């Protein structure tokens, strides 16, 4: 997608020129080292959803960057609850983005990675049943899969009482999946933050006051604050801000 609502760079090096997909790809480029990037959208007052779903906060510019981030990753990491609630479909890319991946030595499609301690998953959901690449499920050692799940996904068991995220990510890296994109949900972000595994946060701020009721982009047990420096600020002509924070 190269047309529609323009996106411009505010900081650093402000520019009035709209960013095309090549420029956006350069700004969000793949890293040389293993990296976990998290992508979220939130309202001005911190809500993670409107009417219970993130779609109420996401417009065309956010969806454009959303698609580019999926193009750039080796694997898409999502919590089972988010997969169910948001009704995830198979992770597919258009031909242009598949061609970019092939030209850059990346598999045509990213691998879907689902984090589930209970394995409360439906093998018939399109995210599994229609996946172009066999998904991976990170789970606990003694979790019991529902019938049919192992027919459509590989189970990667890490941890006993809960999923050991550090061990799971290390195993993904060992399998060559080093550029990871996490799309939530809030409890998974909270757990990744507590384990100091978040290398980058891409946050879209929608120009909307959602009011009370919705949760934040993070949830779970309290942990130590983590410093994440600002790397760039983009603005779309519909008032949306796009922030990228990342470790050095």
C-alpha atoms as a PDB file:
ATOM      1  CA  UNK A   1       0.000   0.000   0.000  1.00  0.00           C
ATOM      2  CA  UNK A   2       1.606   3.256  -1.109  1.00  0.00           C
ATOM      3  CA  UNK A   3      -1.412   5.576  -1.405  1.00  0.00           C
ATOM      4  CA  UNK A   4      -3.990   6.932   0.991  1.00  0.00           C
ATOM      5  CA  UNK A   5      -3.515   9.105   4.066  1.00  0.00           C
ATOM      6  CA  UNK A   6       0.059  10.484   4.019  1.00  0.00           C
ATOM      7  CA  UNK A   7       2.513   9.685   6.803  1.00  0.00           C
ATOM      8  CA  UNK A   8       5.347  12.138   7.508  1.00  0.00           C
ATOM      9  CA  UNK A   9       8.370  12.172   9.801  1.00  0.00           C
ATOM     10  CA  UNK A  10       8.220  14.615  12.719  1.00  0.00           C
ATOM     11  CA  UNK A  11      11.411  13.553  14.543  1.00  0.00           C
ATOM     12  CA  UNK A  12      14.292  13.265  14.072  1.00  0.00           C
ATOM     13  CA  UNK A  13      14.946  15.260  10.873  1.00  0.00           C
ATOM     14  CA  UNK A  14      11.410  16.540  10.302  1.00  0.00           C
ATOM     15  CA  UNK A  15      10.192  16.325   6.722  1.00  0.00           C
ATOM     16  CA  UNK A  16       7.073  17.493   4.936  1.00  0.00           C
ATOM     17  CA  UNK A  17       7.467  14.819   2.261  1.00  0.00           C
ATOM     18  CA  UNK A  18       5.089  11.840   2.608  1.00  0.00           C
ATOM     19  CA  UNK A  19       6.825   8.540   3.314  1.00  0.00           C
ATOM     20  CA  UNK A  20       6.378   5.808   0.735  1.00  0.00           C
ATOM     21  CA  UNK A  21       6.580   2.130   1.636  1.00  0.00           C
ATOM     22  CA  UNK A  22      10.317   1.978   0.866  1.00  0.00           C
ATOM     23  CA  UNK A  23      10.994   4.829   3.288  1.00  0.00           C
ATOM     24  CA  UNK A  24       8.814   3.257   5.983  1.00  0.00           C
ATOM     25  CA  UNK A  25      10.536  -0.093   5.474  1.00  0.00           C
ATOM     26  CA  UNK A  26      13.904   1.593   6.007  1.00  0.00           C
ATOM     27  CA  UNK A  27      12.686   3.247   9.210  1.00  0.00           C
ATOM     28  CA  UNK A  28      11.400  -0.075  10.620  1.00  0.00           C
ATOM     29  CA  UNK A  29      14.131  -2.224   9.055  1.00  0.00           C
ATOM     30  CA  UNK A  30      15.105  -5.699  10.208  1.00  0.00           C
ATOM     31  CA  UNK A  31      17.862  -5.868  12.795  1.00  0.00           C
ATOM     32  CA  UNK A  32      21.285  -7.476  12.605  1.00  0.00           C
ATOM     33  CA  UNK A  33      20.763  -9.166  15.978  1.00  0.00           C
ATOM     34  CA  UNK A  34      17.802 -11.132  17.421  1.00  0.00           C
ATOM     35  CA  UNK A  35      15.047  -8.720  18.386  1.00  0.00           C
ATOM     36  CA  UNK A  36      11.564  -8.752  19.861  1.00  0.00           C
ATOM     37  CA  UNK A  37       9.455  -5.880  18.543  1.00  0.00           C
ATOM     38  CA  UNK A  38       6.033  -5.184  20.063  1.00  0.00           C
ATOM     39  CA  UNK A  39       3.309  -3.365  18.124  1.00  0.00           C
ATOM     40  CA  UNK A  40       0.271  -1.804  19.810  1.00  0.00           C
ATOM     41  CA  UNK A  41      -2.309   0.903  19.240  1.00  0.00           C
ATOM     42  CA  UNK A  42      -3.783   2.984  22.065  1.00  0.00           C
ATOM     43  CA  UNK A  43      -6.066   5.986  22.554  1.00  0.00           C
ATOM     44  CA  UNK A  44      -4.909   9.339  23.916  1.00  0.00           C
ATOM     45  CA  UNK A  45      -6.141   8.307  27.378  1.00  0.00           C
ATOM     46  CA  UNK A  46      -4.384   4.945  27.250  1.00  0.00           C
ATOM     47  CA  UNK A  47      -7.180   2.583  26.195  1.00  0.00           C
ATOM     48  CA  UNK A  48      -6.152  -0.531  24.311  1.00  0.00           C
ATOM     49  CA  UNK A  49      -9.572  -1.056  22.743  1.00  0.00           C
ATOM     50  CA  UNK A  50     -12.899   0.551  21.881  1.00  0.00           C
ATOM     51  CA  UNK A  51     -15.975  -1.597  22.334  1.00  0.00           C
ATOM     52  CA  UNK A  52     -13.700  -4.449  23.363  1.00  0.00           C
ATOM     53  CA  UNK A  53     -11.639  -4.558  20.161  1.00  0.00           C
ATOM     54  CA  UNK A  54      -8.441  -2.856  18.985  1.00  0.00           C
ATOM     55  CA  UNK A  55      -9.942  -2.266  15.529  1.00  0.00           C
ATOM     56  CA  UNK A  56     -11.838   0.732  16.887  1.00  0.00           C
ATOM     57  CA  UNK A  57      -8.505   2.520  17.369  1.00  0.00           C
ATOM     58  CA  UNK A  58      -6.848   1.543  14.098  1.00  0.00           C
ATOM     59  CA  UNK A  59      -7.155   3.529  10.878  1.00  0.00           C
ATOM     60  CA  UNK A  60      -5.543   3.333   7.455  1.00  0.00           C
ATOM     61  CA  UNK A  61      -2.048   4.643   8.436  1.00  0.00           C
ATOM     62  CA  UNK A  62      -1.839   2.250  11.393  1.00  0.00           C
ATOM     63  CA  UNK A  63      -2.921  -0.672   9.225  1.00  0.00           C
ATOM     64  CA  UNK A  64      -0.316   0.281   6.631  1.00  0.00           C
ATOM     65  CA  UNK A  65       2.514   0.134   9.180  1.00  0.00           C
ATOM     66  CA  UNK A  66       0.927  -2.970  10.746  1.00  0.00           C
ATOM     67  CA  UNK A  67       1.254  -4.750   7.395  1.00  0.00           C
ATOM     68  CA  UNK A  68       4.836  -3.602   6.866  1.00  0.00           C
ATOM     69  CA  UNK A  69       5.878  -4.826  10.315  1.00  0.00           C
ATOM     70  CA  UNK A  70       4.436  -8.247   9.490  1.00  0.00           C
ATOM     71  CA  UNK A  71       6.400  -8.217   6.235  1.00  0.00           C
ATOM     72  CA  UNK A  72       9.638  -7.523   8.120  1.00  0.00           C
ATOM     73  CA  UNK A  73       9.363 -10.212  10.811  1.00  0.00           C
ATOM     74  CA  UNK A  74      10.404 -13.861  10.839  1.00  0.00           C
ATOM     75  CA  UNK A  75       7.648 -14.808  13.274  1.00  0.00           C
ATOM     76  CA  UNK A  76       4.487 -13.202  14.595  1.00  0.00           C
ATOM     77  CA  UNK A  77       4.009 -13.821  18.344  1.00  0.00           C
ATOM     78  CA  UNK A  78       0.544 -13.535  19.868  1.00  0.00           C
ATOM     79  CA  UNK A  79      -1.161 -14.673  23.063  1.00  0.00           C
ATOM     80  CA  UNK A  80      -3.875 -17.304  22.765  1.00  0.00           C
ATOM     81  CA  UNK A  81      -6.492 -14.981  24.280  1.00  0.00           C
ATOM     82  CA  UNK A  82      -5.797 -12.302  21.680  1.00  0.00           C
ATOM     83  CA  UNK A  83      -5.832 -14.895  18.910  1.00  0.00           C
ATOM     84  CA  UNK A  84      -9.298 -16.027  20.015  1.00  0.00           C
ATOM     85  CA  UNK A  85     -10.784 -12.638  20.862  1.00  0.00           C
ATOM     86  CA  UNK A  86      -9.571 -10.786  17.774  1.00  0.00           C
ATOM     87  CA  UNK A  87     -10.436 -13.736  15.511  1.00  0.00           C
ATOM     88  CA  UNK A  88      -7.010 -14.095  13.921  1.00  0.00           C
ATOM     89  CA  UNK A  89      -6.964 -15.513  10.428  1.00  0.00           C
ATOM     90  CA  UNK A  90      -4.033 -17.153   8.667  1.00  0.00           C
ATOM     91  CA  UNK A  91      -0.980 -14.882   8.462  1.00  0.00           C
ATOM     92  CA  UNK A  92      -0.733 -14.195   4.748  1.00  0.00           C
ATOM     93  CA  UNK A  93       0.987 -11.466   2.738  1.00  0.00           C
ATOM     94  CA  UNK A  94       0.296 -10.089  -0.711  1.00  0.00           C
ATOM     95  CA  UNK A  95       2.585 -10.938  -3.627  1.00  0.00           C
ATOM     96  CA  UNK A  96       4.500  -7.650  -3.410  1.00  0.00           C
ATOM     97  CA  UNK A  97       5.443  -8.240   0.208  1.00  0.00           C
ATOM     98  CA  UNK A  98       6.290 -11.895  -0.432  1.00  0.00           C
ATOM     99  CA  UNK A  99       8.549 -10.767  -3.279  1.00  0.00           C
ATOM    100  CA  UNK A 100      10.290  -8.304  -0.936  1.00  0.00           C
ATOM    101  CA  UNK A 101      10.900 -11.091   1.556  1.00  0.00           C
ATOM    102  CA  UNK A 102      12.306 -13.447  -1.066  1.00  0.00           C
ATOM    103  CA  UNK A 103      14.565 -10.694  -2.427  1.00  0.00           C
ATOM    104  CA  UNK A 104      15.897 -10.117   1.106  1.00  0.00           C
ATOM    105  CA  UNK A 105      16.522 -13.771   1.892  1.00  0.00           C
ATOM    106  CA  UNK A 106      13.492 -14.215   4.128  1.00  0.00           C
ATOM    107  CA  UNK A 107      10.879 -16.989   3.951  1.00  0.00           C
ATOM    108  CA  UNK A 108       7.805 -15.983   1.939  1.00  0.00           C
ATOM    109  CA  UNK A 109       5.549 -15.979   5.011  1.00  0.00           C
ATOM    110  CA  UNK A 110       6.217 -15.297   8.704  1.00  0.00           C
ATOM    111  CA  UNK A 111       5.579 -18.110  11.164  1.00  0.00           C
ATOM    112  CA  UNK A 112       2.693 -17.664  13.587  1.00  0.00           C
ATOM    113  CA  UNK A 113       3.762 -18.314  17.203  1.00  0.00           C
ATOM    114  CA  UNK A 114       0.956 -18.621  19.771  1.00  0.00           C
ATOM    115  CA  UNK A 115       1.684 -18.417  23.511  1.00  0.00           C
ATOM    116  CA  UNK A 116      -0.733 -20.584  25.494  1.00  0.00           C
ATOM    117  CA  UNK A 117      -0.256 -22.077  28.938  1.00  0.00           C
ATOM    118  CA  UNK A 118      -3.573 -23.970  28.850  1.00  0.00           C
ATOM    119  CA  UNK A 119      -3.709 -24.934  25.138  1.00  0.00           C
ATOM    120  CA  UNK A 120      -7.292 -23.689  24.992  1.00  0.00           C
ATOM    121  CA  UNK A 121      -7.080 -23.440  21.215  1.00  0.00           C
ATOM    122  CA  UNK A 122      -9.309 -24.409  18.312  1.00  0.00           C
ATOM    123  CA  UNK A 123      -7.414 -26.306  15.592  1.00  0.00           C
ATOM    124  CA  UNK A 124     -10.188 -25.363  13.148  1.00  0.00           C
ATOM    125  CA  UNK A 125      -9.541 -21.618  13.557  1.00  0.00           C
ATOM    126  CA  UNK A 126      -8.241 -20.234  10.271  1.00  0.00           C
ATOM    127  CA  UNK A 127      -5.023 -19.070  11.956  1.00  0.00           C
ATOM    128  CA  UNK A 128      -4.143 -22.765  12.218  1.00  0.00           C
ATOM    129  CA  UNK A 129      -6.211 -24.577   9.620  1.00  0.00           C
ATOM    130  CA  UNK A 130      -5.406 -22.196   6.751  1.00  0.00           C
ATOM    131  CA  UNK A 131      -1.845 -21.260   7.729  1.00  0.00           C
ATOM    132  CA  UNK A 132       0.658 -21.160   4.834  1.00  0.00           C
ATOM    133  CA  UNK A 133       3.423 -22.057   7.322  1.00  0.00           C
ATOM    134  CA  UNK A 134       2.896 -24.525  10.172  1.00  0.00           C
ATOM    135  CA  UNK A 135       2.373 -22.465  13.368  1.00  0.00           C
ATOM    136  CA  UNK A 136       4.261 -23.001  16.623  1.00  0.00           C
ATOM    137  CA  UNK A 137       2.581 -23.008  20.048  1.00  0.00           C
ATOM    138  CA  UNK A 138       4.685 -22.090  23.086  1.00  0.00           C
ATOM    139  CA  UNK A 139       3.227 -23.872  26.099  1.00  0.00           C
ATOM    140  CA  UNK A 140       3.968 -25.525  29.459  1.00  0.00           C
ATOM    141  CA  UNK A 141       5.535 -28.939  29.877  1.00  0.00           C
ATOM    142  CA  UNK A 142       2.367 -30.704  31.049  1.00  0.00           C
ATOM    143  CA  UNK A 143      -0.327 -28.856  29.068  1.00  0.00           C
ATOM    144  CA  UNK A 144      -2.727 -31.236  27.311  1.00  0.00           C
ATOM    145  CA  UNK A 145      -3.501 -30.304  23.679  1.00  0.00           C
ATOM    146  CA  UNK A 146      -7.061 -30.578  22.337  1.00  0.00           C
ATOM    147  CA  UNK A 147      -7.723 -33.194  19.649  1.00  0.00           C
ATOM    148  CA  UNK A 148      -6.325 -32.146  16.304  1.00  0.00           C
ATOM    149  CA  UNK A 149      -4.020 -29.357  17.479  1.00  0.00           C
ATOM    150  CA  UNK A 150      -0.819 -31.298  16.831  1.00  0.00           C
ATOM    151  CA  UNK A 151      -2.085 -32.001  13.309  1.00  0.00           C
ATOM    152  CA  UNK A 152      -1.908 -28.305  12.458  1.00  0.00           C
ATOM    153  CA  UNK A 153       0.774 -26.885  14.799  1.00  0.00           C
ATOM    154  CA  UNK A 154       4.070 -27.776  16.478  1.00  0.00           C
ATOM    155  CA  UNK A 155       4.130 -27.634  20.290  1.00  0.00           C
ATOM    156  CA  UNK A 156       7.195 -26.110  21.890  1.00  0.00           C
ATOM    157  CA  UNK A 157       7.142 -26.877  25.623  1.00  0.00           C
ATOM    158  CA  UNK A 158       9.033 -24.381  27.798  1.00  0.00           C
ATOM    159  CA  UNK A 159       8.526 -24.162  31.556  1.00  0.00           C
ATOM    160  CA  UNK A 160       6.458 -26.076  34.112  1.00  0.00           C
ATOM    161  CA  UNK A 161       4.080 -23.839  36.102  1.00  0.00           C
ATOM    162  CA  UNK A 162       3.927 -21.234  33.321  1.00  0.00           C
ATOM    163  CA  UNK A 163       5.382 -20.698  29.875  1.00  0.00           C
ATOM    164  CA  UNK A 164       9.069 -19.793  30.140  1.00  0.00           C
ATOM    165  CA  UNK A 165       9.162 -16.949  27.620  1.00  0.00           C
ATOM    166  CA  UNK A 166      12.936 -16.499  27.708  1.00  0.00           C
ATOM    167  CA  UNK A 167      13.475 -20.179  26.921  1.00  0.00           C
ATOM    168  CA  UNK A 168      10.799 -20.094  24.247  1.00  0.00           C
ATOM    169  CA  UNK A 169      12.301 -17.091  22.474  1.00  0.00           C
ATOM    170  CA  UNK A 170      15.754 -18.650  22.662  1.00  0.00           C
ATOM    171  CA  UNK A 171      14.410 -21.764  20.939  1.00  0.00           C
ATOM    172  CA  UNK A 172      12.760 -19.638  18.237  1.00  0.00           C
ATOM    173  CA  UNK A 173      16.120 -17.945  17.651  1.00  0.00           C
ATOM    174  CA  UNK A 174      17.777 -21.364  17.396  1.00  0.00           C
ATOM    175  CA  UNK A 175      15.276 -22.225  14.652  1.00  0.00           C
ATOM    176  CA  UNK A 176      16.265 -19.124  12.705  1.00  0.00           C
ATOM    177  CA  UNK A 177      13.295 -16.991  13.780  1.00  0.00           C
ATOM    178  CA  UNK A 178      15.278 -14.039  15.109  1.00  0.00           C
ATOM    179  CA  UNK A 179      13.160 -11.041  14.096  1.00  0.00           C
ATOM    180  CA  UNK A 180      10.053 -11.419  16.245  1.00  0.00           C
ATOM    181  CA  UNK A 181       6.946  -9.232  16.166  1.00  0.00           C
ATOM    182  CA  UNK A 182       4.520  -9.416  19.088  1.00  0.00           C
ATOM    183  CA  UNK A 183       0.955  -8.115  18.678  1.00  0.00           C
ATOM    184  CA  UNK A 184      -0.161  -8.745  22.251  1.00  0.00           C
ATOM    185  CA  UNK A 185      -2.212  -9.009  24.211  1.00  0.00           C
ATOM    186  CA  UNK A 186      -1.622  -6.918  27.323  1.00  0.00           C
ATOM    187  CA  UNK A 187      -0.811  -9.832  29.659  1.00  0.00           C
ATOM    188  CA  UNK A 188       1.782 -11.155  27.226  1.00  0.00           C
ATOM    189  CA  UNK A 189       3.372  -7.702  26.965  1.00  0.00           C
ATOM    190  CA  UNK A 190       3.402  -7.484  30.759  1.00  0.00           C
ATOM    191  CA  UNK A 191       5.131 -10.859  31.042  1.00  0.00           C
ATOM    192  CA  UNK A 192       7.657 -10.028  28.320  1.00  0.00           C
ATOM    193  CA  UNK A 193       8.414  -6.701  30.023  1.00  0.00           C
ATOM    194  CA  UNK A 194       8.871  -8.370  33.412  1.00  0.00           C
ATOM    195  CA  UNK A 195      11.320 -10.834  31.815  1.00  0.00           C
ATOM    196  CA  UNK A 196      13.186  -7.918  30.156  1.00  0.00           C
ATOM    197  CA  UNK A 197      12.626  -9.390  26.704  1.00  0.00           C
ATOM    198  CA  UNK A 198      11.142  -6.361  24.920  1.00  0.00           C
ATOM    199  CA  UNK A 199      13.695  -4.741  22.597  1.00  0.00           C
ATOM    200  CA  UNK A 200      11.342  -2.384  20.788  1.00  0.00           C
ATOM    201  CA  UNK A 201       7.858  -0.916  21.102  1.00  0.00           C
ATOM    202  CA  UNK A 202       5.991   0.546  18.144  1.00  0.00           C
ATOM    203  CA  UNK A 203       3.032   2.470  19.524  1.00  0.00           C
ATOM    204  CA  UNK A 204       0.326   4.108  17.448  1.00  0.00           C
ATOM    205  CA  UNK A 205      -1.534   6.824  19.358  1.00  0.00           C
ATOM    206  CA  UNK A 206      -5.037   7.395  18.009  1.00  0.00           C
ATOM    207  CA  UNK A 207      -6.491  10.924  18.369  1.00  0.00           C
ATOM    208  CA  UNK A 208      -9.352   9.653  20.474  1.00  0.00           C
ATOM    209  CA  UNK A 209     -10.485   9.839  24.109  1.00  0.00           C
ATOM    210  CA  UNK A 210     -11.978   6.405  24.723  1.00  0.00           C
ATOM    211  CA  UNK A 211     -13.133   7.085  28.272  1.00  0.00           C
ATOM    212  CA  UNK A 212     -12.988   4.701  31.243  1.00  0.00           C
ATOM    213  CA  UNK A 213     -13.412   0.969  31.033  1.00  0.00           C
ATOM    214  CA  UNK A 214     -10.796  -0.373  28.653  1.00  0.00           C
ATOM    215  CA  UNK A 215      -7.480  -1.739  29.898  1.00  0.00           C
ATOM    216  CA  UNK A 216      -3.978  -0.519  29.082  1.00  0.00           C
ATOM    217  CA  UNK A 217      -1.641  -2.078  26.533  1.00  0.00           C
ATOM    218  CA  UNK A 218       0.022  -3.961  29.399  1.00  0.00           C
ATOM    219  CA  UNK A 219      -1.319  -6.052  32.273  1.00  0.00           C
ATOM    220  CA  UNK A 220      -0.214  -8.613  34.835  1.00  0.00           C
ATOM    221  CA  UNK A 221       2.135  -8.600  37.802  1.00  0.00           C
ATOM    222  CA  UNK A 222       4.100  -5.451  38.614  1.00  0.00           C
ATOM    223  CA  UNK A 223       7.771  -5.399  37.641  1.00  0.00           C
ATOM    224  CA  UNK A 224      10.716  -3.075  37.389  1.00  0.00           C
ATOM    225  CA  UNK A 225      10.403  -0.119  34.976  1.00  0.00           C
ATOM    226  CA  UNK A 226      12.331  -0.554  31.722  1.00  0.00           C
ATOM    227  CA  UNK A 227      13.900   2.366  29.873  1.00  0.00           C
ATOM    228  CA  UNK A 228      13.239   2.356  26.121  1.00  0.00           C
ATOM    229  CA  UNK A 229      14.604   5.396  24.229  1.00  0.00           C
ATOM    230  CA  UNK A 230      12.592   7.160  21.526  1.00  0.00           C
ATOM    231  CA  UNK A 231      13.889   6.527  17.992  1.00  0.00           C
ATOM    232  CA  UNK A 232      11.377   8.228  15.733  1.00  0.00           C
ATOM    233  CA  UNK A 233       8.007   9.997  15.634  1.00  0.00           C
ATOM    234  CA  UNK A 234       5.766   9.828  12.579  1.00  0.00           C
ATOM    235  CA  UNK A 235       2.459  11.607  12.053  1.00  0.00           C
ATOM    236  CA  UNK A 236      -0.359  10.815   9.639  1.00  0.00           C
ATOM    237  CA  UNK A 237      -2.618  13.468   8.185  1.00  0.00           C
ATOM    238  CA  UNK A 238      -5.593  12.055  10.128  1.00  0.00           C
ATOM    239  CA  UNK A 239      -3.928  13.024  13.424  1.00  0.00           C
ATOM    240  CA  UNK A 240      -2.418   9.647  14.309  1.00  0.00           C
ATOM    241  CA  UNK A 241       1.040   9.562  15.899  1.00  0.00           C
ATOM    242  CA  UNK A 242       3.408   6.623  15.452  1.00  0.00           C
ATOM    243  CA  UNK A 243       6.169   6.249  18.026  1.00  0.00           C
ATOM    244  CA  UNK A 244       9.092   3.870  17.834  1.00  0.00           C
ATOM    245  CA  UNK A 245      11.056   3.184  21.020  1.00  0.00           C
ATOM    246  CA  UNK A 246      13.986   0.764  20.991  1.00  0.00           C
ATOM    247  CA  UNK A 247      17.071  -0.297  22.841  1.00  0.00           C
ATOM    248  CA  UNK A 248      20.359   1.009  21.482  1.00  0.00           C
END
